[in-house]
Amino acid sequence: MCFHSQQSKTAQELKQRFGVSFKDESQFVSSLYNGFQYPKTPVITNKESNTIQLYNWGLLPKWAKGNTIRKSTLNARIETLPEKPSFRDVVTNRCLILVDGFFEWQWLDEKGKNKQKYLITLPDNEAFAFGGLWNEWQNPTNGEILKTYTIITTEANELMSQIHNTEKRMPLILPKANEFDWLNGSKEISTDILLKAEKV
């Protein structure tokens, strides 16, 4: 699964890489992201595909009475999206989650008492996109609107199977040529992408 990522590029670098503008550039800060802190991170949605916006990690479905469910919706398995109540109503709400790396821990023993942390990037350290789903949730207590997302996960490739050697999962990393195909609803997305892993 994916619970820790990084975005070290500047707003200008992201605009150039994805060919879009920022909706509110003043709010963007390059950072390391811990999903369990539900940070605002840069995304591009199929609703506004010409702008980068900041959405909270941890999808809140419309029916949620509070925000505690988001600890369980940081990731969504691509194989079961239509079956899960949290995701089945938003499977057409697609987004790109803009990062330039993510972190995974390799278990070095059967119980995971000893682990090795890895940073996973593209070989050239360029920014890239995870495939995701988004939703807007209205807080029933105060009416506040929260814009949220989840990262899609899929079966690990050969490299990630060696690193994420317990569940053998990885985020859905979109090749550059397929990023906007994902936004437009395509189901034929290549996930054959070369990654680099560094011990950290």
N, C-alpha and C. Protein backbone atom coordinates (compact mmCIF):
# COMPACT_ATOMS: atom_id res chain seq x y z
N MET A 1 0.85 -1.18 0.00
CA MET A 1 0.00 0.00 0.00
C MET A 1 0.89 1.24 0.00
N CYS A 2 0.28 2.41 -0.12
CA CYS A 2 1.07 3.64 -0.18
C CYS A 2 0.53 4.62 0.85
N PHE A 3 1.34 4.92 1.88
CA PHE A 3 0.93 5.84 2.91
C PHE A 3 1.89 7.01 3.10
N HIS A 4 3.03 6.98 2.40
CA HIS A 4 4.02 8.04 2.52
C HIS A 4 4.56 8.39 1.14
N SER A 5 4.49 9.67 0.79
CA SER A 5 4.97 10.11 -0.53
C SER A 5 5.73 11.42 -0.37
N GLN A 6 6.29 11.88 -1.47
CA GLN A 6 6.99 13.16 -1.44
C GLN A 6 6.70 13.94 -2.71
N GLN A 7 6.73 15.26 -2.57
CA GLN A 7 6.66 16.16 -3.72
C GLN A 7 7.67 17.26 -3.47
N SER A 8 8.82 17.14 -4.13
CA SER A 8 9.90 18.10 -3.89
C SER A 8 10.02 19.14 -5.00
N LYS A 9 9.18 19.04 -6.02
CA LYS A 9 9.24 20.00 -7.13
C LYS A 9 8.59 21.32 -6.74
N THR A 10 8.98 22.37 -7.42
CA THR A 10 8.35 23.67 -7.21
C THR A 10 7.03 23.72 -7.99
N ALA A 11 6.21 24.70 -7.67
CA ALA A 11 4.96 24.89 -8.40
C ALA A 11 5.24 25.10 -9.88
N GLN A 12 6.27 25.87 -10.19
CA GLN A 12 6.61 26.13 -11.59
C GLN A 12 7.02 24.84 -12.31
N GLU A 13 7.78 23.99 -11.64
CA GLU A 13 8.18 22.72 -12.25
C GLU A 13 6.97 21.82 -12.50
N LEU A 14 6.01 21.82 -11.59
CA LEU A 14 4.81 21.02 -11.79
C LEU A 14 3.96 21.55 -12.94
N LYS A 15 3.85 22.85 -13.02
CA LYS A 15 3.09 23.45 -14.12
C LYS A 15 3.70 23.09 -15.47
N GLN A 16 5.02 23.16 -15.55
CA GLN A 16 5.70 22.82 -16.80
C GLN A 16 5.57 21.34 -17.12
N ARG A 17 5.73 20.49 -16.10
CA ARG A 17 5.68 19.04 -16.32
C ARG A 17 4.30 18.58 -16.81
N PHE A 18 3.23 19.11 -16.21
CA PHE A 18 1.89 18.63 -16.54
C PHE A 18 1.13 19.54 -17.50
N GLY A 19 1.71 20.67 -17.85
CA GLY A 19 1.11 21.55 -18.86
C GLY A 19 -0.18 22.19 -18.42
N VAL A 20 -0.29 22.49 -17.13
CA VAL A 20 -1.51 23.11 -16.59
C VAL A 20 -1.12 24.24 -15.65
N SER A 21 -2.12 24.99 -15.18
CA SER A 21 -1.87 26.07 -14.23
C SER A 21 -2.24 25.63 -12.82
N PHE A 22 -1.83 26.43 -11.83
CA PHE A 22 -2.21 26.19 -10.44
C PHE A 22 -3.46 26.99 -10.13
N LYS A 23 -4.40 26.39 -9.42
CA LYS A 23 -5.60 27.14 -9.03
C LYS A 23 -5.26 28.14 -7.93
N ASP A 24 -4.43 27.73 -6.97
CA ASP A 24 -4.01 28.64 -5.90
C ASP A 24 -2.58 28.28 -5.52
N GLU A 25 -1.66 28.82 -6.26
CA GLU A 25 -0.24 28.49 -6.10
C GLU A 25 0.30 28.88 -4.73
N SER A 26 -0.29 29.91 -4.12
CA SER A 26 0.22 30.42 -2.84
C SER A 26 0.06 29.40 -1.71
N GLN A 27 -0.85 28.45 -1.87
CA GLN A 27 -1.10 27.46 -0.82
C GLN A 27 -0.22 26.22 -0.94
N PHE A 28 0.53 26.11 -2.05
CA PHE A 28 1.32 24.90 -2.29
C PHE A 28 2.67 24.99 -1.60
N VAL A 29 3.05 23.88 -0.91
CA VAL A 29 4.36 23.76 -0.28
C VAL A 29 4.92 22.39 -0.61
N SER A 30 6.13 22.34 -1.17
CA SER A 30 6.79 21.05 -1.40
C SER A 30 7.01 20.37 -0.06
N SER A 31 6.81 19.04 -0.01
CA SER A 31 6.84 18.39 1.30
C SER A 31 6.97 16.89 1.19
N LEU A 32 7.24 16.27 2.34
CA LEU A 32 7.04 14.84 2.53
C LEU A 32 5.64 14.68 3.10
N TYR A 33 4.88 13.70 2.60
CA TYR A 33 3.49 13.55 3.01
C TYR A 33 3.28 12.24 3.75
N ASN A 34 2.67 12.33 4.93
CA ASN A 34 2.25 11.17 5.69
C ASN A 34 0.73 11.08 5.56
N GLY A 35 0.23 10.02 4.92
CA GLY A 35 -1.19 9.91 4.67
C GLY A 35 -2.03 10.03 5.92
N PHE A 36 -1.54 9.54 7.05
CA PHE A 36 -2.32 9.53 8.28
C PHE A 36 -2.43 10.91 8.93
N GLN A 37 -1.79 11.91 8.31
CA GLN A 37 -2.00 13.30 8.71
C GLN A 37 -2.98 14.00 7.76
N TYR A 38 -3.44 13.26 6.75
CA TYR A 38 -4.46 13.74 5.79
C TYR A 38 -4.07 15.09 5.17
N PRO A 39 -2.85 15.17 4.63
CA PRO A 39 -2.36 16.46 4.12
C PRO A 39 -3.05 16.87 2.82
N LYS A 40 -2.96 18.16 2.53
CA LYS A 40 -3.38 18.65 1.22
C LYS A 40 -2.20 18.52 0.27
N THR A 41 -2.42 17.82 -0.85
CA THR A 41 -1.36 17.59 -1.81
C THR A 41 -1.87 17.93 -3.21
N PRO A 42 -0.98 18.16 -4.17
CA PRO A 42 -1.43 18.59 -5.50
C PRO A 42 -2.05 17.46 -6.32
N VAL A 43 -3.20 17.75 -6.92
CA VAL A 43 -3.91 16.81 -7.77
C VAL A 43 -4.46 17.53 -9.00
N ILE A 44 -4.77 16.75 -10.02
CA ILE A 44 -5.51 17.23 -11.19
C ILE A 44 -6.73 16.32 -11.31
N THR A 45 -7.93 16.90 -11.33
CA THR A 45 -9.15 16.09 -11.42
C THR A 45 -9.73 16.12 -12.82
N ASN A 46 -10.58 15.13 -13.12
CA ASN A 46 -11.24 15.14 -14.42
C ASN A 46 -12.33 16.22 -14.49
N LYS A 47 -12.69 16.81 -13.36
CA LYS A 47 -13.65 17.90 -13.35
C LYS A 47 -13.00 19.21 -13.79
N GLU A 48 -11.73 19.40 -13.41
CA GLU A 48 -10.98 20.60 -13.81
C GLU A 48 -9.59 20.15 -14.24
N SER A 49 -9.52 19.58 -15.42
CA SER A 49 -8.29 18.93 -15.87
C SER A 49 -7.21 19.91 -16.34
N ASN A 50 -7.53 21.20 -16.32
CA ASN A 50 -6.52 22.19 -16.75
C ASN A 50 -5.88 22.91 -15.57
N THR A 51 -6.17 22.45 -14.34
CA THR A 51 -5.59 23.11 -13.17
C THR A 51 -5.10 22.10 -12.14
N ILE A 52 -4.07 22.51 -11.40
CA ILE A 52 -3.61 21.76 -10.23
C ILE A 52 -4.29 22.36 -9.01
N GLN A 53 -4.91 21.49 -8.22
CA GLN A 53 -5.57 21.91 -6.99
C GLN A 53 -4.97 21.14 -5.80
N LEU A 54 -5.30 21.55 -4.61
CA LEU A 54 -4.84 20.87 -3.40
C LEU A 54 -6.03 20.17 -2.75
N TYR A 55 -5.96 18.83 -2.67
CA TYR A 55 -7.00 18.01 -2.06
C TYR A 55 -6.41 17.27 -0.87
N ASN A 56 -7.27 16.94 0.09
CA ASN A 56 -6.84 16.18 1.26
C ASN A 56 -6.76 14.69 0.94
N TRP A 57 -5.66 14.08 1.32
CA TRP A 57 -5.47 12.63 1.16
C TRP A 57 -6.36 11.91 2.17
N GLY A 58 -7.13 10.95 1.72
CA GLY A 58 -8.08 10.22 2.55
C GLY A 58 -9.50 10.53 2.11
N LEU A 59 -10.04 9.71 1.20
CA LEU A 59 -11.33 10.01 0.58
C LEU A 59 -12.48 9.89 1.58
N LEU A 60 -13.35 10.89 1.58
CA LEU A 60 -14.56 10.87 2.39
C LEU A 60 -15.77 10.70 1.48
N PRO A 61 -16.46 9.55 1.56
CA PRO A 61 -17.66 9.36 0.73
C PRO A 61 -18.78 10.28 1.20
N LYS A 62 -19.72 10.57 0.32
CA LYS A 62 -20.79 11.52 0.64
C LYS A 62 -21.60 11.09 1.86
N TRP A 63 -21.73 9.78 2.07
CA TRP A 63 -22.58 9.29 3.16
C TRP A 63 -21.89 9.29 4.52
N ALA A 64 -20.61 9.60 4.56
CA ALA A 64 -19.87 9.56 5.84
C ALA A 64 -20.42 10.62 6.81
N LYS A 65 -20.69 10.22 8.04
CA LYS A 65 -21.22 11.14 9.05
C LYS A 65 -20.11 11.93 9.74
N GLY A 66 -18.88 11.45 9.61
CA GLY A 66 -17.73 12.13 10.17
C GLY A 66 -16.51 11.79 9.34
N ASN A 67 -15.35 12.28 9.75
CA ASN A 67 -14.16 12.09 8.92
C ASN A 67 -13.26 10.95 9.37
N THR A 68 -13.69 10.17 10.36
CA THR A 68 -12.81 9.12 10.88
C THR A 68 -12.58 8.00 9.86
N ILE A 69 -13.49 7.84 8.89
CA ILE A 69 -13.34 6.76 7.91
C ILE A 69 -12.11 6.96 7.03
N ARG A 70 -11.61 8.18 6.92
CA ARG A 70 -10.54 8.45 5.96
C ARG A 70 -9.25 7.69 6.27
N LYS A 71 -9.07 7.25 7.51
CA LYS A 71 -7.88 6.44 7.81
C LYS A 71 -7.91 5.12 7.04
N SER A 72 -9.10 4.70 6.61
CA SER A 72 -9.26 3.45 5.85
C SER A 72 -9.40 3.67 4.36
N THR A 73 -9.38 4.93 3.92
CA THR A 73 -9.58 5.23 2.49
C THR A 73 -8.40 5.99 1.89
N LEU A 74 -7.23 5.85 2.49
CA LEU A 74 -6.03 6.45 1.90
C LEU A 74 -5.69 5.77 0.58
N ASN A 75 -5.96 4.46 0.51
CA ASN A 75 -5.71 3.66 -0.69
C ASN A 75 -6.99 2.93 -1.06
N ALA A 76 -7.08 2.54 -2.34
CA ALA A 76 -8.22 1.77 -2.83
C ALA A 76 -7.71 0.73 -3.82
N ARG A 77 -8.02 -0.53 -3.58
CA ARG A 77 -7.58 -1.60 -4.47
C ARG A 77 -8.36 -1.53 -5.79
N ILE A 78 -7.64 -1.47 -6.90
CA ILE A 78 -8.29 -1.32 -8.19
C ILE A 78 -9.22 -2.49 -8.50
N GLU A 79 -8.89 -3.68 -7.98
CA GLU A 79 -9.67 -4.87 -8.29
C GLU A 79 -11.06 -4.85 -7.66
N THR A 80 -11.24 -4.08 -6.58
CA THR A 80 -12.51 -4.14 -5.83
C THR A 80 -13.25 -2.80 -5.77
N LEU A 81 -12.86 -1.85 -6.60
CA LEU A 81 -13.50 -0.52 -6.55
C LEU A 81 -15.02 -0.59 -6.66
N PRO A 82 -15.59 -1.36 -7.61
CA PRO A 82 -17.05 -1.35 -7.77
C PRO A 82 -17.80 -1.99 -6.61
N GLU A 83 -17.08 -2.73 -5.75
CA GLU A 83 -17.73 -3.46 -4.67
C GLU A 83 -17.72 -2.69 -3.35
N LYS A 84 -16.81 -1.75 -3.20
CA LYS A 84 -16.61 -1.10 -1.91
C LYS A 84 -17.51 0.13 -1.77
N PRO A 85 -18.32 0.20 -0.70
CA PRO A 85 -19.21 1.34 -0.51
C PRO A 85 -18.50 2.69 -0.54
N SER A 86 -17.25 2.74 -0.07
CA SER A 86 -16.53 4.02 -0.04
C SER A 86 -16.17 4.52 -1.42
N PHE A 87 -16.07 3.61 -2.40
CA PHE A 87 -15.53 3.99 -3.71
C PHE A 87 -16.49 3.78 -4.88
N ARG A 88 -17.46 2.90 -4.74
CA ARG A 88 -18.25 2.51 -5.92
C ARG A 88 -19.05 3.66 -6.52
N ASP A 89 -19.38 4.69 -5.71
CA ASP A 89 -20.14 5.82 -6.23
C ASP A 89 -19.26 6.89 -6.87
N VAL A 90 -17.93 6.73 -6.77
CA VAL A 90 -17.03 7.76 -7.30
C VAL A 90 -16.03 7.19 -8.30
N VAL A 91 -16.32 6.01 -8.85
CA VAL A 91 -15.34 5.38 -9.75
C VAL A 91 -15.10 6.21 -11.02
N THR A 92 -16.01 7.12 -11.34
CA THR A 92 -15.78 7.99 -12.51
C THR A 92 -15.15 9.32 -12.11
N ASN A 93 -14.97 9.55 -10.82
CA ASN A 93 -14.29 10.77 -10.34
C ASN A 93 -12.79 10.51 -10.31
N ARG A 94 -12.15 10.65 -11.43
CA ARG A 94 -10.73 10.28 -11.51
C ARG A 94 -9.83 11.49 -11.30
N CYS A 95 -8.64 11.20 -10.78
CA CYS A 95 -7.67 12.27 -10.59
C CYS A 95 -6.25 11.75 -10.74
N LEU A 96 -5.35 12.68 -10.93
CA LEU A 96 -3.91 12.43 -10.92
C LEU A 96 -3.37 13.00 -9.62
N ILE A 97 -2.62 12.21 -8.89
CA ILE A 97 -1.97 12.66 -7.66
C ILE A 97 -0.50 12.89 -8.00
N LEU A 98 -0.05 14.13 -7.86
CA LEU A 98 1.26 14.53 -8.37
C LEU A 98 2.33 14.36 -7.29
N VAL A 99 3.30 13.53 -7.57
CA VAL A 99 4.38 13.24 -6.63
C VAL A 99 5.69 13.14 -7.40
N ASP A 100 6.79 12.99 -6.68
CA ASP A 100 8.03 12.59 -7.36
C ASP A 100 8.73 11.46 -6.62
N GLY A 101 8.00 10.85 -5.68
CA GLY A 101 8.52 9.69 -4.99
C GLY A 101 7.55 9.19 -3.95
N PHE A 102 7.76 7.96 -3.51
CA PHE A 102 6.99 7.42 -2.39
C PHE A 102 7.88 6.45 -1.62
N PHE A 103 7.45 6.12 -0.41
CA PHE A 103 8.27 5.33 0.48
C PHE A 103 7.60 4.00 0.79
N GLU A 104 8.42 2.95 0.86
CA GLU A 104 7.91 1.64 1.23
C GLU A 104 8.95 0.96 2.11
N TRP A 105 8.47 0.07 2.98
CA TRP A 105 9.34 -0.63 3.92
C TRP A 105 9.38 -2.12 3.59
N GLN A 106 10.58 -2.63 3.41
CA GLN A 106 10.78 -4.06 3.15
C GLN A 106 10.98 -4.78 4.48
N TRP A 107 10.21 -5.84 4.67
CA TRP A 107 10.38 -6.65 5.88
C TRP A 107 11.63 -7.51 5.73
N LEU A 108 12.48 -7.48 6.75
CA LEU A 108 13.71 -8.27 6.74
C LEU A 108 13.60 -9.54 7.57
N ASP A 109 12.45 -9.71 8.24
CA ASP A 109 12.17 -10.94 8.98
C ASP A 109 10.67 -11.21 8.90
N GLU A 110 10.26 -12.37 9.34
CA GLU A 110 8.88 -12.81 9.16
C GLU A 110 7.86 -11.94 9.87
N LYS A 111 8.23 -11.35 10.99
CA LYS A 111 7.28 -10.56 11.77
C LYS A 111 7.40 -9.06 11.53
N GLY A 112 8.34 -8.66 10.69
CA GLY A 112 8.48 -7.25 10.39
C GLY A 112 9.10 -6.42 11.50
N LYS A 113 9.85 -7.07 12.39
CA LYS A 113 10.50 -6.31 13.45
C LYS A 113 11.68 -5.52 12.91
N ASN A 114 12.32 -6.05 11.88
CA ASN A 114 13.41 -5.34 11.20
C ASN A 114 12.95 -4.99 9.80
N LYS A 115 13.07 -3.71 9.46
CA LYS A 115 12.60 -3.24 8.17
C LYS A 115 13.63 -2.33 7.52
N GLN A 116 13.60 -2.30 6.19
CA GLN A 116 14.46 -1.39 5.43
C GLN A 116 13.57 -0.43 4.65
N LYS A 117 13.78 0.85 4.86
CA LYS A 117 12.99 1.88 4.17
C LYS A 117 13.59 2.17 2.80
N TYR A 118 12.72 2.28 1.79
CA TYR A 118 13.14 2.61 0.43
C TYR A 118 12.39 3.84 -0.08
N LEU A 119 13.07 4.65 -0.84
CA LEU A 119 12.46 5.72 -1.61
C LEU A 119 12.35 5.25 -3.05
N ILE A 120 11.14 5.28 -3.60
CA ILE A 120 10.88 4.83 -4.97
C ILE A 120 10.63 6.06 -5.84
N THR A 121 11.39 6.18 -6.91
CA THR A 121 11.25 7.31 -7.83
C THR A 121 11.34 6.81 -9.27
N LEU A 122 11.17 7.73 -10.22
CA LEU A 122 11.53 7.43 -11.60
C LEU A 122 13.05 7.54 -11.71
N PRO A 123 13.64 6.87 -12.69
CA PRO A 123 15.11 6.92 -12.82
C PRO A 123 15.67 8.33 -12.96
N ASP A 124 14.89 9.25 -13.58
CA ASP A 124 15.37 10.62 -13.77
C ASP A 124 14.86 11.57 -12.69
N ASN A 125 14.17 11.03 -11.68
CA ASN A 125 13.62 11.82 -10.57
C ASN A 125 12.58 12.85 -11.01
N GLU A 126 11.99 12.63 -12.17
CA GLU A 126 10.95 13.54 -12.66
C GLU A 126 9.65 13.34 -11.86
N ALA A 127 8.84 14.38 -11.82
CA ALA A 127 7.51 14.25 -11.21
C ALA A 127 6.68 13.25 -12.02
N PHE A 128 5.78 12.56 -11.34
CA PHE A 128 4.89 11.62 -12.02
C PHE A 128 3.54 11.62 -11.31
N ALA A 129 2.63 10.77 -11.76
CA ALA A 129 1.28 10.78 -11.22
C ALA A 129 0.83 9.39 -10.83
N PHE A 130 0.21 9.31 -9.65
CA PHE A 130 -0.58 8.14 -9.28
C PHE A 130 -1.98 8.31 -9.85
N GLY A 131 -2.62 7.21 -10.21
CA GLY A 131 -4.04 7.25 -10.52
C GLY A 131 -4.83 7.27 -9.22
N GLY A 132 -5.88 8.09 -9.16
CA GLY A 132 -6.68 8.17 -7.95
C GLY A 132 -8.13 8.47 -8.25
N LEU A 133 -8.92 8.49 -7.18
CA LEU A 133 -10.33 8.90 -7.22
C LEU A 133 -10.51 10.04 -6.23
N TRP A 134 -11.46 10.95 -6.53
CA TRP A 134 -11.69 12.10 -5.67
C TRP A 134 -13.17 12.21 -5.30
N ASN A 135 -13.43 13.02 -4.28
CA ASN A 135 -14.81 13.30 -3.90
C ASN A 135 -14.85 14.60 -3.11
N GLU A 136 -16.01 15.25 -3.13
CA GLU A 136 -16.26 16.41 -2.28
C GLU A 136 -17.24 15.99 -1.19
N TRP A 137 -16.88 16.27 0.06
CA TRP A 137 -17.69 15.86 1.20
C TRP A 137 -18.08 17.07 2.02
N GLN A 138 -19.35 17.14 2.39
CA GLN A 138 -19.83 18.26 3.21
C GLN A 138 -19.98 17.81 4.65
N ASN A 139 -19.29 18.51 5.53
CA ASN A 139 -19.36 18.21 6.95
C ASN A 139 -20.77 18.51 7.46
N PRO A 140 -21.49 17.51 7.97
CA PRO A 140 -22.87 17.73 8.40
C PRO A 140 -22.98 18.65 9.62
N THR A 141 -21.89 18.85 10.32
CA THR A 141 -21.91 19.69 11.53
C THR A 141 -21.81 21.17 11.20
N ASN A 142 -20.85 21.51 10.32
CA ASN A 142 -20.63 22.94 10.06
C ASN A 142 -20.77 23.34 8.59
N GLY A 143 -21.08 22.37 7.73
CA GLY A 143 -21.29 22.69 6.32
C GLY A 143 -20.01 22.84 5.51
N GLU A 144 -18.86 22.68 6.13
CA GLU A 144 -17.58 22.81 5.42
C GLU A 144 -17.47 21.75 4.33
N ILE A 145 -16.95 22.16 3.16
CA ILE A 145 -16.71 21.25 2.06
C ILE A 145 -15.25 20.82 2.07
N LEU A 146 -15.01 19.52 2.12
CA LEU A 146 -13.65 18.99 2.03
C LEU A 146 -13.49 18.27 0.70
N LYS A 147 -12.43 18.59 -0.02
CA LYS A 147 -12.11 17.93 -1.28
C LYS A 147 -11.05 16.87 -0.97
N THR A 148 -11.36 15.61 -1.24
CA THR A 148 -10.53 14.50 -0.78
C THR A 148 -10.24 13.52 -1.91
N TYR A 149 -9.24 12.66 -1.69
CA TYR A 149 -8.89 11.66 -2.71
C TYR A 149 -8.33 10.40 -2.07
N THR A 150 -8.30 9.36 -2.88
CA THR A 150 -7.65 8.10 -2.52
C THR A 150 -6.69 7.71 -3.62
N ILE A 151 -5.61 7.02 -3.28
CA ILE A 151 -4.64 6.50 -4.25
C ILE A 151 -5.04 5.08 -4.63
N ILE A 152 -5.14 4.82 -5.92
CA ILE A 152 -5.43 3.48 -6.41
C ILE A 152 -4.18 2.61 -6.27
N THR A 153 -4.37 1.38 -5.79
CA THR A 153 -3.25 0.45 -5.74
C THR A 153 -3.53 -0.76 -6.64
N THR A 154 -2.46 -1.40 -7.04
CA THR A 154 -2.54 -2.55 -7.94
C THR A 154 -1.51 -3.59 -7.53
N GLU A 155 -1.48 -4.69 -8.24
CA GLU A 155 -0.51 -5.75 -7.96
C GLU A 155 0.90 -5.23 -8.19
N ALA A 156 1.82 -5.58 -7.32
CA ALA A 156 3.19 -5.09 -7.41
C ALA A 156 3.89 -5.65 -8.64
N ASN A 157 4.75 -4.82 -9.24
CA ASN A 157 5.61 -5.32 -10.32
C ASN A 157 6.80 -6.06 -9.69
N GLU A 158 7.74 -6.50 -10.52
CA GLU A 158 8.84 -7.32 -10.01
C GLU A 158 9.65 -6.60 -8.93
N LEU A 159 9.99 -5.33 -9.19
CA LEU A 159 10.78 -4.57 -8.21
C LEU A 159 10.01 -4.39 -6.91
N MET A 160 8.76 -3.97 -7.02
CA MET A 160 7.99 -3.69 -5.82
C MET A 160 7.61 -4.95 -5.05
N SER A 161 7.55 -6.09 -5.73
CA SER A 161 7.30 -7.36 -5.04
C SER A 161 8.45 -7.69 -4.10
N GLN A 162 9.67 -7.30 -4.48
CA GLN A 162 10.83 -7.55 -3.63
C GLN A 162 10.87 -6.59 -2.45
N ILE A 163 10.38 -5.36 -2.66
CA ILE A 163 10.42 -4.36 -1.59
C ILE A 163 9.19 -4.47 -0.69
N HIS A 164 8.01 -4.40 -1.27
CA HIS A 164 6.78 -4.57 -0.48
C HIS A 164 6.46 -6.05 -0.43
N ASN A 165 7.30 -6.77 0.29
CA ASN A 165 7.32 -8.23 0.21
C ASN A 165 6.33 -8.92 1.13
N THR A 166 5.41 -8.15 1.72
CA THR A 166 4.34 -8.76 2.53
C THR A 166 3.05 -8.82 1.72
N GLU A 167 2.50 -7.66 1.38
CA GLU A 167 1.23 -7.63 0.63
C GLU A 167 1.43 -7.62 -0.88
N LYS A 168 2.64 -7.25 -1.32
CA LYS A 168 2.97 -7.21 -2.75
C LYS A 168 1.98 -6.33 -3.53
N ARG A 169 1.85 -5.08 -3.05
CA ARG A 169 1.02 -4.08 -3.70
C ARG A 169 1.88 -2.86 -4.04
N MET A 170 1.36 -2.01 -4.90
CA MET A 170 2.02 -0.76 -5.23
C MET A 170 0.97 0.23 -5.72
N PRO A 171 1.26 1.53 -5.63
CA PRO A 171 0.32 2.50 -6.19
C PRO A 171 0.27 2.37 -7.70
N LEU A 172 -0.88 2.75 -8.27
CA LEU A 172 -1.04 2.77 -9.72
C LEU A 172 -0.26 3.97 -10.26
N ILE A 173 0.90 3.70 -10.86
CA ILE A 173 1.76 4.75 -11.41
C ILE A 173 1.49 4.84 -12.91
N LEU A 174 1.09 6.02 -13.35
CA LEU A 174 0.67 6.19 -14.74
C LEU A 174 1.84 6.65 -15.61
N PRO A 175 2.10 5.94 -16.72
CA PRO A 175 3.07 6.46 -17.68
C PRO A 175 2.63 7.83 -18.17
N LYS A 176 3.57 8.67 -18.47
CA LYS A 176 3.26 10.04 -18.88
C LYS A 176 2.24 10.09 -20.02
N ALA A 177 2.37 9.18 -20.96
CA ALA A 177 1.48 9.18 -22.12
C ALA A 177 0.05 8.80 -21.78
N ASN A 178 -0.15 8.18 -20.62
CA ASN A 178 -1.48 7.68 -20.25
C ASN A 178 -2.17 8.50 -19.16
N GLU A 179 -1.53 9.55 -18.69
CA GLU A 179 -2.09 10.30 -17.55
C GLU A 179 -3.48 10.85 -17.85
N PHE A 180 -3.62 11.51 -18.98
CA PHE A 180 -4.92 12.12 -19.27
C PHE A 180 -5.90 11.10 -19.85
N ASP A 181 -5.39 9.96 -20.32
CA ASP A 181 -6.29 8.84 -20.66
C ASP A 181 -7.00 8.36 -19.39
N TRP A 182 -6.23 8.28 -18.29
CA TRP A 182 -6.83 7.89 -17.01
C TRP A 182 -7.95 8.87 -16.62
N LEU A 183 -7.65 10.16 -16.71
CA LEU A 183 -8.66 11.16 -16.35
C LEU A 183 -9.91 11.03 -17.22
N ASN A 184 -9.72 10.67 -18.47
CA ASN A 184 -10.84 10.60 -19.41
C ASN A 184 -11.60 9.28 -19.34
N GLY A 185 -11.23 8.42 -18.40
CA GLY A 185 -12.02 7.22 -18.15
C GLY A 185 -11.55 5.96 -18.82
N SER A 186 -10.38 5.99 -19.46
CA SER A 186 -9.90 4.80 -20.15
C SER A 186 -9.63 3.66 -19.17
N LYS A 187 -9.97 2.46 -19.59
CA LYS A 187 -9.67 1.27 -18.80
C LYS A 187 -8.43 0.55 -19.32
N GLU A 188 -7.92 1.01 -20.45
CA GLU A 188 -6.74 0.39 -21.06
C GLU A 188 -5.52 1.23 -20.73
N ILE A 189 -5.02 1.09 -19.51
CA ILE A 189 -3.89 1.89 -19.05
C ILE A 189 -2.68 0.98 -18.85
N SER A 190 -1.59 1.31 -19.52
CA SER A 190 -0.35 0.57 -19.32
C SER A 190 0.24 0.93 -17.95
N THR A 191 0.67 -0.06 -17.22
CA THR A 191 1.33 0.20 -15.94
C THR A 191 2.79 -0.26 -15.97
N ASP A 192 3.28 -0.46 -17.17
CA ASP A 192 4.66 -0.92 -17.36
C ASP A 192 5.58 0.30 -17.28
N ILE A 193 6.14 0.55 -16.11
CA ILE A 193 6.94 1.74 -15.92
C ILE A 193 8.21 1.38 -15.13
N LEU A 194 9.31 1.99 -15.52
CA LEU A 194 10.58 1.72 -14.87
C LEU A 194 10.74 2.56 -13.63
N LEU A 195 11.08 1.94 -12.52
CA LEU A 195 11.24 2.62 -11.25
C LEU A 195 12.65 2.44 -10.69
N LYS A 196 13.03 3.34 -9.79
CA LYS A 196 14.32 3.26 -9.12
C LYS A 196 14.06 3.20 -7.61
N ALA A 197 14.78 2.34 -6.90
CA ALA A 197 14.62 2.21 -5.46
C ALA A 197 15.94 2.49 -4.77
N GLU A 198 15.90 3.37 -3.77
CA GLU A 198 17.09 3.70 -2.99
C GLU A 198 16.83 3.45 -1.51
N LYS A 199 17.77 2.83 -0.83
CA LYS A 199 17.65 2.67 0.62
C LYS A 199 17.80 4.03 1.28
N VAL A 200 16.97 4.30 2.28
CA VAL A 200 17.05 5.59 2.99
C VAL A 200 16.98 5.34 4.50
